[in-house]
Amino acid sequence: MRGDRVEIVVDTGSGVRTYEIDATKAGRRVEVSTARGVVEVSEVTRTGQPVRTGRFMAARVVALVEHPAEPTPGRGRRKRGSKDQTALL
């Protein structure tokens, strides 16, 4: 979802460095996977194609923080009454 963000803090040996990967457009999401000592953070389209990817050695990752998008008020689907429902007034 647009606005999703993942923050990765990596040990560089002489300090730490912070990286961010964001879902920049509507319909994109950020996925995190860990395999064989590598942490991979990707911005992915609706169809599953990666747009941007960051790979980090798992032994060097100090912190991985996921920030979900803030819900926007007034967005989303509205509930509608059924056709058979009578008005209350």
PDB file of N, CA and C in Angstrom:
ATOM      1  N   MET A   1       0.837  -1.165   0.000  1.00  0.00           N
ATOM      2  CA  MET A   1       0.000   0.000   0.000  1.00  0.00           C
ATOM      3  C   MET A   1       0.889   1.238   0.000  1.00  0.00           C
ATOM      4  N   ARG A   2       0.510   2.235  -0.742  1.00  0.00           N
ATOM      5  CA  ARG A   2       1.302   3.454  -0.791  1.00  0.00           C
ATOM      6  C   ARG A   2       1.472   4.013   0.613  1.00  0.00           C
ATOM      7  N   GLY A   3       2.679   4.358   0.961  1.00  0.00           N
ATOM      8  CA  GLY A   3       2.966   4.880   2.289  1.00  0.00           C
ATOM      9  C   GLY A   3       3.627   3.871   3.203  1.00  0.00           C
ATOM     10  N   ASP A   4       3.567   2.580   2.842  1.00  0.00           N
ATOM     11  CA  ASP A   4       4.292   1.573   3.623  1.00  0.00           C
ATOM     12  C   ASP A   4       5.780   1.876   3.516  1.00  0.00           C
ATOM     13  N   ARG A   5       6.491   1.655   4.625  1.00  0.00           N
ATOM     14  CA  ARG A   5       7.913   1.974   4.636  1.00  0.00           C
ATOM     15  C   ARG A   5       8.631   0.985   5.528  1.00  0.00           C
ATOM     16  N   VAL A   6       9.828   0.570   5.121  1.00  0.00           N
ATOM     17  CA  VAL A   6      10.667  -0.309   5.927  1.00  0.00           C
ATOM     18  C   VAL A   6      11.999   0.400   6.130  1.00  0.00           C
ATOM     19  N   GLU A   7      12.430   0.442   7.383  1.00  0.00           N
ATOM     20  CA  GLU A   7      13.686   1.070   7.760  1.00  0.00           C
ATOM     21  C   GLU A   7      14.658  -0.036   8.155  1.00  0.00           C
ATOM     22  N   ILE A   8      15.867  -0.025   7.585  1.00  0.00           N
ATOM     23  CA  ILE A   8      16.866  -1.045   7.877  1.00  0.00           C
ATOM     24  C   ILE A   8      18.100  -0.354   8.443  1.00  0.00           C
ATOM     25  N   VAL A   9      18.548  -0.779   9.615  1.00  0.00           N
ATOM     26  CA  VAL A   9      19.752  -0.232  10.239  1.00  0.00           C
ATOM     27  C   VAL A   9      20.829  -1.305  10.128  1.00  0.00           C
ATOM     28  N   VAL A  10      21.963  -0.948   9.503  1.00  0.00           N
ATOM     29  CA  VAL A  10      23.031  -1.901   9.204  1.00  0.00           C
ATOM     30  C   VAL A  10      24.326  -1.450   9.874  1.00  0.00           C
ATOM     31  N   ASP A  11      25.047  -2.396  10.477  1.00  0.00           N
ATOM     32  CA  ASP A  11      26.350  -2.135  11.075  1.00  0.00           C
ATOM     33  C   ASP A  11      27.388  -2.078   9.964  1.00  0.00           C
ATOM     34  N   THR A  12      28.119  -0.953   9.876  1.00  0.00           N
ATOM     35  CA  THR A  12      29.120  -0.796   8.822  1.00  0.00           C
ATOM     36  C   THR A  12      30.542  -1.037   9.315  1.00  0.00           C
ATOM     37  N   GLY A  13      30.705  -1.348  10.581  1.00  0.00           N
ATOM     38  CA  GLY A  13      32.033  -1.558  11.137  1.00  0.00           C
ATOM     39  C   GLY A  13      32.524  -0.326  11.873  1.00  0.00           C
ATOM     40  N   SER A  14      32.274   0.845  11.328  1.00  0.00           N
ATOM     41  CA  SER A  14      32.676   2.095  11.977  1.00  0.00           C
ATOM     42  C   SER A  14      31.460   2.876  12.471  1.00  0.00           C
ATOM     43  N   GLY A  15      30.330   2.247  12.515  1.00  0.00           N
ATOM     44  CA  GLY A  15      29.086   2.883  12.939  1.00  0.00           C
ATOM     45  C   GLY A  15      27.909   2.146  12.336  1.00  0.00           C
ATOM     46  N   VAL A  16      26.778   2.831  12.266  1.00  0.00           N
ATOM     47  CA  VAL A  16      25.600   2.239  11.639  1.00  0.00           C
ATOM     48  C   VAL A  16      25.119   3.151  10.526  1.00  0.00           C
ATOM     49  N   ARG A  17      24.426   2.559   9.580  1.00  0.00           N
ATOM     50  CA  ARG A  17      23.855   3.306   8.465  1.00  0.00           C
ATOM     51  C   ARG A  17      22.401   2.886   8.307  1.00  0.00           C
ATOM     52  N   THR A  18      21.527   3.838   8.027  1.00  0.00           N
ATOM     53  CA  THR A  18      20.098   3.578   7.908  1.00  0.00           C
ATOM     54  C   THR A  18      19.668   3.680   6.451  1.00  0.00           C
ATOM     55  N   TYR A  19      18.891   2.694   6.016  1.00  0.00           N
ATOM     56  CA  TYR A  19      18.319   2.678   4.668  1.00  0.00           C
ATOM     57  C   TYR A  19      16.807   2.620   4.801  1.00  0.00           C
ATOM     58  N   GLU A  20      16.104   3.209   3.843  1.00  0.00           N
ATOM     59  CA  GLU A  20      14.638   3.157   3.822  1.00  0.00           C
ATOM     60  C   GLU A  20      14.178   2.719   2.446  1.00  0.00           C
ATOM     61  N   ILE A  21      13.181   1.856   2.433  1.00  0.00           N
ATOM     62  CA  ILE A  21      12.535   1.465   1.185  1.00  0.00           C
ATOM     63  C   ILE A  21      11.050   1.728   1.363  1.00  0.00           C
ATOM     64  N   ASP A  22      10.476   2.526   0.445  1.00  0.00           N
ATOM     65  CA  ASP A  22       9.084   2.960   0.533  1.00  0.00           C
ATOM     66  C   ASP A  22       8.268   2.376  -0.612  1.00  0.00           C
ATOM     67  N   ALA A  23       6.967   2.230  -0.358  1.00  0.00           N
ATOM     68  CA  ALA A  23       6.018   1.939  -1.435  1.00  0.00           C
ATOM     69  C   ALA A  23       5.628   3.307  -1.991  1.00  0.00           C
ATOM     70  N   THR A  24       6.147   3.660  -3.166  1.00  0.00           N
ATOM     71  CA  THR A  24       6.034   5.023  -3.667  1.00  0.00           C
ATOM     72  C   THR A  24       4.758   5.327  -4.447  1.00  0.00           C
ATOM     73  N   LYS A  25       4.108   4.312  -4.986  1.00  0.00           N
ATOM     74  CA  LYS A  25       2.892   4.546  -5.774  1.00  0.00           C
ATOM     75  C   LYS A  25       1.752   3.699  -5.234  1.00  0.00           C
ATOM     76  N   ALA A  26       0.543   4.082  -5.572  1.00  0.00           N
ATOM     77  CA  ALA A  26      -0.634   3.338  -5.134  1.00  0.00           C
ATOM     78  C   ALA A  26      -0.590   1.929  -5.704  1.00  0.00           C
ATOM     79  N   GLY A  27      -0.934   0.945  -4.888  1.00  0.00           N
ATOM     80  CA  GLY A  27      -0.957  -0.437  -5.328  1.00  0.00           C
ATOM     81  C   GLY A  27       0.342  -1.177  -5.100  1.00  0.00           C
ATOM     82  N   ARG A  28       1.386  -0.473  -4.721  1.00  0.00           N
ATOM     83  CA  ARG A  28       2.654  -1.143  -4.444  1.00  0.00           C
ATOM     84  C   ARG A  28       2.762  -1.457  -2.961  1.00  0.00           C
ATOM     85  N   ARG A  29       3.575  -2.456  -2.653  1.00  0.00           N
ATOM     86  CA  ARG A  29       3.770  -2.853  -1.265  1.00  0.00           C
ATOM     87  C   ARG A  29       5.245  -3.153  -1.044  1.00  0.00           C
ATOM     88  N   VAL A  30       5.623  -3.272   0.220  1.00  0.00           N
ATOM     89  CA  VAL A  30       6.999  -3.579   0.567  1.00  0.00           C
ATOM     90  C   VAL A  30       7.021  -4.961   1.199  1.00  0.00           C
ATOM     91  N   GLU A  31       7.865  -5.848   0.679  1.00  0.00           N
ATOM     92  CA  GLU A  31       7.977  -7.206   1.194  1.00  0.00           C
ATOM     93  C   GLU A  31       9.367  -7.424   1.772  1.00  0.00           C
ATOM     94  N   VAL A  32       9.426  -8.175   2.874  1.00  0.00           N
ATOM     95  CA  VAL A  32      10.689  -8.501   3.527  1.00  0.00           C
ATOM     96  C   VAL A  32      10.839 -10.016   3.530  1.00  0.00           C
ATOM     97  N   SER A  33      12.010 -10.500   3.123  1.00  0.00           N
ATOM     98  CA  SER A  33      12.265 -11.940   3.166  1.00  0.00           C
ATOM     99  C   SER A  33      13.682 -12.177   3.675  1.00  0.00           C
ATOM    100  N   THR A  34      13.851 -13.312   4.347  1.00  0.00           N
ATOM    101  CA  THR A  34      15.159 -13.695   4.874  1.00  0.00           C
ATOM    102  C   THR A  34      15.458 -15.107   4.411  1.00  0.00           C
ATOM    103  N   ALA A  35      16.622 -15.297   3.801  1.00  0.00           N
ATOM    104  CA  ALA A  35      17.029 -16.627   3.335  1.00  0.00           C
ATOM    105  C   ALA A  35      18.541 -16.689   3.213  1.00  0.00           C
ATOM    106  N   ARG A  36      19.119 -17.761   3.712  1.00  0.00           N
ATOM    107  CA  ARG A  36      20.548 -18.033   3.573  1.00  0.00           C
ATOM    108  C   ARG A  36      21.431 -16.882   4.020  1.00  0.00           C
ATOM    109  N   GLY A  37      21.075 -16.260   5.139  1.00  0.00           N
ATOM    110  CA  GLY A  37      21.907 -15.196   5.688  1.00  0.00           C
ATOM    111  C   GLY A  37      21.784 -13.855   4.994  1.00  0.00           C
ATOM    112  N   VAL A  38      20.756 -13.694   4.176  1.00  0.00           N
ATOM    113  CA  VAL A  38      20.538 -12.436   3.464  1.00  0.00           C
ATOM    114  C   VAL A  38      19.122 -11.945   3.749  1.00  0.00           C
ATOM    115  N   VAL A  39      19.018 -10.659   4.121  1.00  0.00           N
ATOM    116  CA  VAL A  39      17.713 -10.024   4.305  1.00  0.00           C
ATOM    117  C   VAL A  39      17.445  -9.221   3.039  1.00  0.00           C
ATOM    118  N   GLU A  40      16.301  -9.459   2.407  1.00  0.00           N
ATOM    119  CA  GLU A  40      15.954  -8.772   1.163  1.00  0.00           C
ATOM    120  C   GLU A  40      14.669  -7.987   1.377  1.00  0.00           C
ATOM    121  N   VAL A  41      14.715  -6.696   1.081  1.00  0.00           N
ATOM    122  CA  VAL A  41      13.550  -5.819   1.197  1.00  0.00           C
ATOM    123  C   VAL A  41      13.244  -5.305  -0.199  1.00  0.00           C
ATOM    124  N   SER A  42      12.004  -5.522  -0.675  1.00  0.00           N
ATOM    125  CA  SER A  42      11.646  -5.155  -2.044  1.00  0.00           C
ATOM    126  C   SER A  42      10.359  -4.354  -2.090  1.00  0.00           C
ATOM    127  N   GLU A  43      10.331  -3.368  -2.976  1.00  0.00           N
ATOM    128  CA  GLU A  43       9.090  -2.687  -3.320  1.00  0.00           C
ATOM    129  C   GLU A  43       8.526  -3.460  -4.502  1.00  0.00           C
ATOM    130  N   VAL A  44       7.279  -3.920  -4.380  1.00  0.00           N
ATOM    131  CA  VAL A  44       6.699  -4.843  -5.349  1.00  0.00           C
ATOM    132  C   VAL A  44       5.393  -4.266  -5.895  1.00  0.00           C
ATOM    133  N   THR A  45       5.150  -4.465  -7.206  1.00  0.00           N
ATOM    134  CA  THR A  45       3.895  -4.026  -7.819  1.00  0.00           C
ATOM    135  C   THR A  45       2.778  -5.016  -7.488  1.00  0.00           C
ATOM    136  N   ARG A  46       1.578  -4.711  -7.935  1.00  0.00           N
ATOM    137  CA  ARG A  46       0.430  -5.603  -7.701  1.00  0.00           C
ATOM    138  C   ARG A  46       0.641  -6.983  -8.305  1.00  0.00           C
ATOM    139  N   THR A  47       1.349  -7.032  -9.428  1.00  0.00           N
ATOM    140  CA  THR A  47       1.562  -8.308 -10.114  1.00  0.00           C
ATOM    141  C   THR A  47       2.730  -9.098  -9.533  1.00  0.00           C
ATOM    142  N   GLY A  48       3.473  -8.504  -8.611  1.00  0.00           N
ATOM    143  CA  GLY A  48       4.568  -9.215  -7.973  1.00  0.00           C
ATOM    144  C   GLY A  48       5.936  -8.923  -8.545  1.00  0.00           C
ATOM    145  N   GLN A  49       6.027  -7.982  -9.491  1.00  0.00           N
ATOM    146  CA  GLN A  49       7.325  -7.638 -10.062  1.00  0.00           C
ATOM    147  C   GLN A  49       8.045  -6.661  -9.140  1.00  0.00           C
ATOM    148  N   PRO A  50       9.290  -6.960  -8.781  1.00  0.00           N
ATOM    149  CA  PRO A  50      10.034  -6.034  -7.921  1.00  0.00           C
ATOM    150  C   PRO A  50      10.429  -4.768  -8.669  1.00  0.00           C
ATOM    151  N   VAL A  51      10.286  -3.625  -8.011  1.00  0.00           N
ATOM    152  CA  VAL A  51      10.659  -2.343  -8.586  1.00  0.00           C
ATOM    153  C   VAL A  51      12.030  -1.934  -8.051  1.00  0.00           C
ATOM    154  N   ARG A  52      12.180  -1.988  -6.728  1.00  0.00           N
ATOM    155  CA  ARG A  52      13.461  -1.700  -6.079  1.00  0.00           C
ATOM    156  C   ARG A  52      13.725  -2.778  -5.049  1.00  0.00           C
ATOM    157  N   THR A  53      14.975  -3.144  -4.891  1.00  0.00           N
ATOM    158  CA  THR A  53      15.339  -4.190  -3.947  1.00  0.00           C
ATOM    159  C   THR A  53      16.608  -3.802  -3.208  1.00  0.00           C
ATOM    160  N   GLY A  54      16.615  -4.083  -1.909  1.00  0.00           N
ATOM    161  CA  GLY A  54      17.819  -3.894  -1.111  1.00  0.00           C
ATOM    162  C   GLY A  54      18.176  -5.222  -0.466  1.00  0.00           C
ATOM    163  N   ARG A  55      19.443  -5.629  -0.566  1.00  0.00           N
ATOM    164  CA  ARG A  55      19.894  -6.880   0.049  1.00  0.00           C
ATOM    165  C   ARG A  55      20.968  -6.564   1.078  1.00  0.00           C
ATOM    166  N   PHE A  56      20.836  -7.186   2.246  1.00  0.00           N
ATOM    167  CA  PHE A  56      21.743  -6.925   3.350  1.00  0.00           C
ATOM    168  C   PHE A  56      22.140  -8.242   3.991  1.00  0.00           C
ATOM    169  N   MET A  57      23.386  -8.338   4.448  1.00  0.00           N
ATOM    170  CA  MET A  57      23.826  -9.530   5.174  1.00  0.00           C
ATOM    171  C   MET A  57      23.101  -9.550   6.521  1.00  0.00           C
ATOM    172  N   ALA A  58      22.475 -10.662   6.844  1.00  0.00           N
ATOM    173  CA  ALA A  58      21.680 -10.766   8.066  1.00  0.00           C
ATOM    174  C   ALA A  58      22.528 -10.536   9.311  1.00  0.00           C
ATOM    175  N   ALA A  59      23.790 -10.939   9.285  1.00  0.00           N
ATOM    176  CA  ALA A  59      24.667 -10.759  10.439  1.00  0.00           C
ATOM    177  C   ALA A  59      24.953  -9.284  10.701  1.00  0.00           C
ATOM    178  N   ARG A  60      24.824  -8.433   9.686  1.00  0.00           N
ATOM    179  CA  ARG A  60      25.101  -6.999   9.838  1.00  0.00           C
ATOM    180  C   ARG A  60      23.865  -6.161  10.131  1.00  0.00           C
ATOM    181  N   VAL A  61      22.666  -6.737   9.987  1.00  0.00           N
ATOM    182  CA  VAL A  61      21.433  -5.989  10.230  1.00  0.00           C
ATOM    183  C   VAL A  61      21.235  -5.841  11.731  1.00  0.00           C
ATOM    184  N   VAL A  62      21.184  -4.596  12.185  1.00  0.00           N
ATOM    185  CA  VAL A  62      20.978  -4.300  13.601  1.00  0.00           C
ATOM    186  C   VAL A  62      19.485  -4.237  13.905  1.00  0.00           C
ATOM    187  N   ALA A  63      18.722  -3.572  13.039  1.00  0.00           N
ATOM    188  CA  ALA A  63      17.280  -3.432  13.252  1.00  0.00           C
ATOM    189  C   ALA A  63      16.573  -3.355  11.907  1.00  0.00           C
ATOM    190  N   LEU A  64      15.355  -3.870  11.895  1.00  0.00           N
ATOM    191  CA  LEU A  64      14.502  -3.805  10.719  1.00  0.00           C
ATOM    192  C   LEU A  64      13.129  -3.393  11.231  1.00  0.00           C
ATOM    193  N   VAL A  65      12.691  -2.201  10.865  1.00  0.00           N
ATOM    194  CA  VAL A  65      11.449  -1.636  11.394  1.00  0.00           C
ATOM    195  C   VAL A  65      10.474  -1.430  10.246  1.00  0.00           C
ATOM    196  N   GLU A  66       9.280  -2.007  10.381  1.00  0.00           N
ATOM    197  CA  GLU A  66       8.238  -1.841   9.369  1.00  0.00           C
ATOM    198  C   GLU A  66       7.259  -0.777   9.838  1.00  0.00           C
ATOM    199  N   HIS A  67       7.003   0.214   8.983  1.00  0.00           N
ATOM    200  CA  HIS A  67       6.062   1.285   9.275  1.00  0.00           C
ATOM    201  C   HIS A  67       4.883   1.152   8.316  1.00  0.00           C
ATOM    202  N   PRO A  68       3.723   0.676   8.781  1.00  0.00           N
ATOM    203  CA  PRO A  68       2.568   0.576   7.877  1.00  0.00           C
ATOM    204  C   PRO A  68       2.030   1.965   7.543  1.00  0.00           C
ATOM    205  N   ALA A  69       1.339   2.058   6.433  1.00  0.00           N
ATOM    206  CA  ALA A  69       0.757   3.330   6.002  1.00  0.00           C
ATOM    207  C   ALA A  69      -0.337   3.756   6.958  1.00  0.00           C
ATOM    208  N   GLU A  70      -0.453   5.059   7.150  1.00  0.00           N
ATOM    209  CA  GLU A  70      -1.510   5.604   7.998  1.00  0.00           C
ATOM    210  C   GLU A  70      -2.828   5.517   7.232  1.00  0.00           C
ATOM    211  N   PRO A  71      -3.888   5.028   7.877  1.00  0.00           N
ATOM    212  CA  PRO A  71      -5.180   4.986   7.181  1.00  0.00           C
ATOM    213  C   PRO A  71      -5.704   6.402   6.972  1.00  0.00           C
ATOM    214  N   THR A  72      -6.182   6.673   5.768  1.00  0.00           N
ATOM    215  CA  THR A  72      -6.718   7.993   5.472  1.00  0.00           C
ATOM    216  C   THR A  72      -8.214   8.000   5.761  1.00  0.00           C
ATOM    217  N   PRO A  73      -8.696   8.990   6.494  1.00  0.00           N
ATOM    218  CA  PRO A  73     -10.127   9.028   6.812  1.00  0.00           C
ATOM    219  C   PRO A  73     -10.957   9.308   5.559  1.00  0.00           C
ATOM    220  N   GLY A  74     -12.091   8.651   5.497  1.00  0.00           N
ATOM    221  CA  GLY A  74     -12.994   8.867   4.381  1.00  0.00           C
ATOM    222  C   GLY A  74     -12.667   8.054   3.147  1.00  0.00           C
ATOM    223  N   ARG A  75     -11.637   7.248   3.191  1.00  0.00           N
ATOM    224  CA  ARG A  75     -11.274   6.419   2.050  1.00  0.00           C
ATOM    225  C   ARG A  75     -11.765   5.000   2.290  1.00  0.00           C
ATOM    226  N   GLY A  76     -11.967   4.264   1.252  1.00  0.00           N
ATOM    227  CA  GLY A  76     -12.402   2.886   1.384  1.00  0.00           C
ATOM    228  C   GLY A  76     -13.839   2.722   0.930  1.00  0.00           C
ATOM    229  N   ARG A  77     -14.352   1.555   1.146  1.00  0.00           N
ATOM    230  CA  ARG A  77     -15.717   1.260   0.709  1.00  0.00           C
ATOM    231  C   ARG A  77     -16.725   1.652   1.775  1.00  0.00           C
ATOM    232  N   ARG A  78     -17.843   2.168   1.315  1.00  0.00           N
ATOM    233  CA  ARG A  78     -18.912   2.521   2.239  1.00  0.00           C
ATOM    234  C   ARG A  78     -19.884   1.364   2.337  1.00  0.00           C
ATOM    235  N   LYS A  79     -20.448   1.224   3.506  1.00  0.00           N
ATOM    236  CA  LYS A  79     -21.484   0.209   3.675  1.00  0.00           C
ATOM    237  C   LYS A  79     -22.797   0.781   3.168  1.00  0.00           C
ATOM    238  N   ARG A  80     -23.496  -0.013   2.419  1.00  0.00           N
ATOM    239  CA  ARG A  80     -24.800   0.410   1.907  1.00  0.00           C
ATOM    240  C   ARG A  80     -25.858  -0.496   2.504  1.00  0.00           C
ATOM    241  N   GLY A  81     -26.963   0.084   2.808  1.00  0.00           N
ATOM    242  CA  GLY A  81     -28.074  -0.713   3.319  1.00  0.00           C
ATOM    243  C   GLY A  81     -28.633  -1.603   2.234  1.00  0.00           C
ATOM    244  N   SER A  82     -29.287  -2.669   2.633  1.00  0.00           N
ATOM    245  CA  SER A  82     -29.872  -3.551   1.633  1.00  0.00           C
ATOM    246  C   SER A  82     -31.082  -2.874   0.985  1.00  0.00           C
ATOM    247  N   LYS A  83     -31.467  -3.338  -0.171  1.00  0.00           N
ATOM    248  CA  LYS A  83     -32.596  -2.746  -0.894  1.00  0.00           C
ATOM    249  C   LYS A  83     -33.905  -2.926  -0.147  1.00  0.00           C
ATOM    250  N   ASP A  84     -33.992  -3.998   0.641  1.00  0.00           N
ATOM    251  CA  ASP A  84     -35.221  -4.280   1.372  1.00  0.00           C
ATOM    252  C   ASP A  84     -35.300  -3.516   2.694  1.00  0.00           C
ATOM    253  N   GLN A  85     -34.237  -2.853   3.076  1.00  0.00           N
ATOM    254  CA  GLN A  85     -34.208  -2.184   4.370  1.00  0.00           C
ATOM    255  C   GLN A  85     -35.068  -0.910   4.317  1.00  0.00           C
ATOM    256  N   THR A  86     -35.907  -0.754   5.294  1.00  0.00           N
ATOM    257  CA  THR A  86     -36.752   0.444   5.367  1.00  0.00           C
ATOM    258  C   THR A  86     -36.041   1.512   6.164  1.00  0.00           C
ATOM    259  N   ALA A  87     -36.384   2.754   5.915  1.00  0.00           N
ATOM    260  CA  ALA A  87     -35.753   3.875   6.622  1.00  0.00           C
ATOM    261  C   ALA A  87     -36.209   3.867   8.084  1.00  0.00           C
ATOM    262  N   LEU A  88     -35.371   4.361   8.944  1.00  0.00           N
ATOM    263  CA  LEU A  88     -35.704   4.419  10.373  1.00  0.00           C
ATOM    264  C   LEU A  88     -36.604   5.592  10.699  1.00  0.00           C
ATOM    265  N   LEU A  89     -36.611   6.631   9.872  1.00  0.00           N
ATOM    266  CA  LEU A  89     -37.453   7.802  10.152  1.00  0.00           C
ATOM    267  C   LEU A  89     -38.615   7.883   9.220  1.00  0.00           C
TER     268      LEU A  89
END
